[in-house]
Amino acid sequence: MTTPVEMQRKFEADTEAVSSFLDAFEEWAESHEVQPSVYLPLRLILDEWLTNVAMHAYAGAVGPVDVRASSPSPSCVEVVVRDWGTAFDPLAATPPDTGLDVEERDIGGLGIHFMRRMASKIHYERMGPCNELSIVKSGSAS
C-alpha cells in the first residue's frame, strides 16, 4: 500500500485567496499524477464550496478556512474543508427542480446540486463552531 500524498492550506476566505488555492490544488494534483478525471471535477466542487464560504459563511466579513487534501492513489482524492462561519449543511438543502424552465426556477441551489452529482462521496458535519465538508472523488484505477 502506498502512502497518501497530502496538501494542507489555511487561508482567509476571500475570492482572491480561493483562486490562489485552486491553482495550488491543481498544481499539487498534477505533480502527484492524480488523474485529470479526478482532480478537475474536484476543482470545480472546491471552487463552488469555497466561493460560497467566502461569500456567505462570515456574514460579509472574512474568516479562516482550512483545506486538507489527500491522494491515496492517482485515482482518488479525499478533501476536508473546515470553516468557522455560520452553520450550513449543503446536503440538507432542497435540490432544485431541474425539470422546470430556467425562468420558473428559484434562484440558487444549482452549485450545490452539481457538487453532489460530481462527488463520489460527500459528507457534512457541524463540529462545535466548525463546518466540516468531506468530499471524495474517485476515478477508475489505471
Protein backbone atom coordinates (compact mmCIF):
# COMPACT_ATOMS: atom_id res chain seq x y z
CA MET A 1 0.00 0.00 0.00
CA THR A 2 1.34 3.42 -0.90
CA THR A 3 1.48 6.34 1.50
CA PRO A 4 -1.07 9.04 0.62
CA VAL A 5 0.33 12.33 -0.60
CA GLU A 6 -1.13 15.29 1.24
CA MET A 7 -1.69 19.01 0.89
CA GLN A 8 -2.89 21.42 3.55
CA ARG A 9 -3.64 25.11 3.23
CA LYS A 10 -5.06 27.59 5.71
CA PHE A 11 -6.16 30.95 4.38
CA GLU A 12 -8.65 33.76 4.80
CA ALA A 13 -11.81 33.00 2.83
CA ASP A 14 -11.95 35.69 0.17
CA THR A 15 -12.31 35.24 -3.57
CA GLU A 16 -8.67 36.07 -4.33
CA ALA A 17 -7.39 33.53 -1.79
CA VAL A 18 -9.84 30.93 -3.13
CA SER A 19 -8.49 31.45 -6.65
CA SER A 20 -4.89 31.09 -5.42
CA PHE A 21 -5.79 27.94 -3.50
CA LEU A 22 -7.47 26.38 -6.54
CA ASP A 23 -4.36 26.99 -8.65
CA ALA A 24 -2.18 25.43 -5.92
CA PHE A 25 -4.56 22.46 -5.65
CA GLU A 26 -4.35 21.82 -9.39
CA GLU A 27 -0.53 22.06 -9.34
CA TRP A 28 -0.42 19.66 -6.38
CA ALA A 29 -2.68 17.16 -8.14
CA GLU A 30 -0.70 17.32 -11.38
CA SER A 31 2.64 16.98 -9.59
CA HIS A 32 1.39 13.80 -7.89
CA GLU A 33 -0.02 12.40 -11.14
CA VAL A 34 -3.64 12.43 -9.97
CA GLN A 35 -5.93 11.60 -12.87
CA PRO A 36 -7.47 14.70 -14.51
CA SER A 37 -10.84 12.91 -14.41
CA VAL A 38 -10.50 13.05 -10.61
CA TYR A 39 -8.93 16.42 -9.85
CA LEU A 40 -10.70 18.59 -12.44
CA PRO A 41 -14.26 17.85 -11.19
CA LEU A 42 -12.95 18.17 -7.64
CA ARG A 43 -11.51 21.59 -8.51
CA LEU A 44 -15.00 22.67 -9.64
CA ILE A 45 -16.54 21.31 -6.44
CA LEU A 46 -13.96 23.17 -4.33
CA ASP A 47 -14.47 26.36 -6.35
CA GLU A 48 -18.21 26.25 -5.67
CA TRP A 49 -17.91 25.43 -1.98
CA LEU A 50 -15.05 27.80 -1.15
CA THR A 51 -16.72 30.64 -3.05
CA ASN A 52 -19.87 30.02 -1.00
CA VAL A 53 -17.78 30.12 2.18
CA ALA A 54 -16.12 33.37 1.07
CA MET A 55 -19.44 35.00 0.18
CA HIS A 56 -21.76 33.71 2.91
CA ALA A 57 -20.09 31.98 5.87
CA TYR A 58 -18.82 35.05 7.67
CA ALA A 59 -21.73 37.46 7.04
CA GLY A 60 -19.79 39.88 4.86
CA ALA A 61 -16.55 39.60 6.83
CA VAL A 62 -13.51 37.45 6.08
CA GLY A 63 -12.73 34.40 8.17
CA PRO A 64 -10.46 31.37 8.14
CA VAL A 65 -10.77 28.22 6.06
CA ASP A 66 -8.65 25.09 6.35
CA VAL A 67 -8.40 22.63 3.45
CA ARG A 68 -6.68 19.25 3.61
CA ALA A 69 -6.36 17.06 0.55
CA SER A 70 -5.04 13.53 0.43
CA SER A 71 -4.49 11.26 -2.54
CA PRO A 72 -4.11 7.60 -1.58
CA SER A 73 -3.79 6.79 -5.31
CA PRO A 74 -3.82 8.61 -8.67
CA SER A 75 -7.49 7.63 -8.99
CA CYS A 76 -8.74 9.08 -5.69
CA VAL A 77 -8.60 12.36 -3.79
CA GLU A 78 -10.16 12.99 -0.40
CA VAL A 79 -10.65 16.58 0.75
CA VAL A 80 -11.81 18.03 4.07
CA VAL A 81 -12.80 21.70 4.17
CA ARG A 82 -13.33 23.43 7.52
CA ASP A 83 -14.64 26.90 8.23
CA TRP A 84 -15.86 28.59 11.39
CA GLY A 85 -18.67 30.60 9.85
CA THR A 86 -22.43 30.30 10.07
CA ALA A 87 -23.66 26.71 10.22
CA PHE A 88 -24.75 25.50 6.79
CA ASP A 89 -25.38 21.92 5.72
CA PRO A 90 -25.34 21.85 1.91
CA LEU A 91 -26.69 18.30 1.91
CA ALA A 92 -29.85 19.43 3.73
CA ALA A 93 -30.63 21.99 1.01
CA THR A 94 -33.62 21.11 -1.14
CA PRO A 95 -32.42 20.01 -4.57
CA PRO A 96 -33.50 22.35 -7.37
CA ASP A 97 -36.26 21.21 -9.69
CA THR A 98 -34.20 20.87 -12.85
CA GLY A 99 -37.32 19.84 -14.76
CA LEU A 100 -38.61 23.43 -14.65
CA ASP A 101 -37.71 26.05 -17.21
CA VAL A 102 -34.95 28.41 -16.07
CA GLU A 103 -37.44 31.27 -15.74
CA GLU A 104 -39.60 29.19 -13.35
CA ARG A 105 -36.82 28.00 -11.03
CA ASP A 106 -35.85 29.58 -7.73
CA ILE A 107 -32.50 31.36 -7.78
CA GLY A 108 -29.65 29.40 -6.24
CA GLY A 109 -29.03 25.79 -5.40
CA LEU A 110 -27.57 24.62 -8.71
CA GLY A 111 -23.97 24.83 -7.50
CA ILE A 112 -24.68 22.55 -4.55
CA HIS A 113 -26.67 20.26 -6.85
CA PHE A 114 -23.65 19.92 -9.16
CA MET A 115 -21.30 19.39 -6.19
CA ARG A 116 -23.42 16.47 -5.04
CA ARG A 117 -23.56 14.95 -8.53
CA MET A 118 -19.82 15.31 -9.26
CA ALA A 119 -18.53 13.96 -5.93
CA SER A 120 -18.16 10.23 -5.38
CA LYS A 121 -18.96 10.80 -1.69
CA ILE A 122 -19.80 13.95 0.23
CA HIS A 123 -20.49 14.37 3.95
CA TYR A 124 -21.22 17.41 6.13
CA GLU A 125 -20.89 17.70 9.87
CA ARG A 126 -21.15 20.63 12.27
CA MET A 127 -18.44 20.10 14.86
CA GLY A 128 -18.93 22.70 17.59
CA PRO A 129 -18.24 26.05 15.92
CA CYS A 130 -16.88 24.42 12.75
CA ASN A 131 -18.47 23.41 9.45
CA GLU A 132 -16.71 20.35 8.05
CA LEU A 133 -17.34 19.19 4.50
CA SER A 134 -15.66 15.94 3.43
CA ILE A 135 -15.50 15.16 -0.27
CA VAL A 136 -14.17 12.09 -2.07
CA LYS A 137 -13.68 11.96 -5.81
CA SER A 138 -12.69 8.63 -7.32
CA GLY A 139 -11.98 7.60 -10.86
CA SER A 140 -11.05 4.32 -12.45
CA ALA A 141 -7.80 2.72 -11.35
CA SER A 142 -5.21 2.78 -14.11
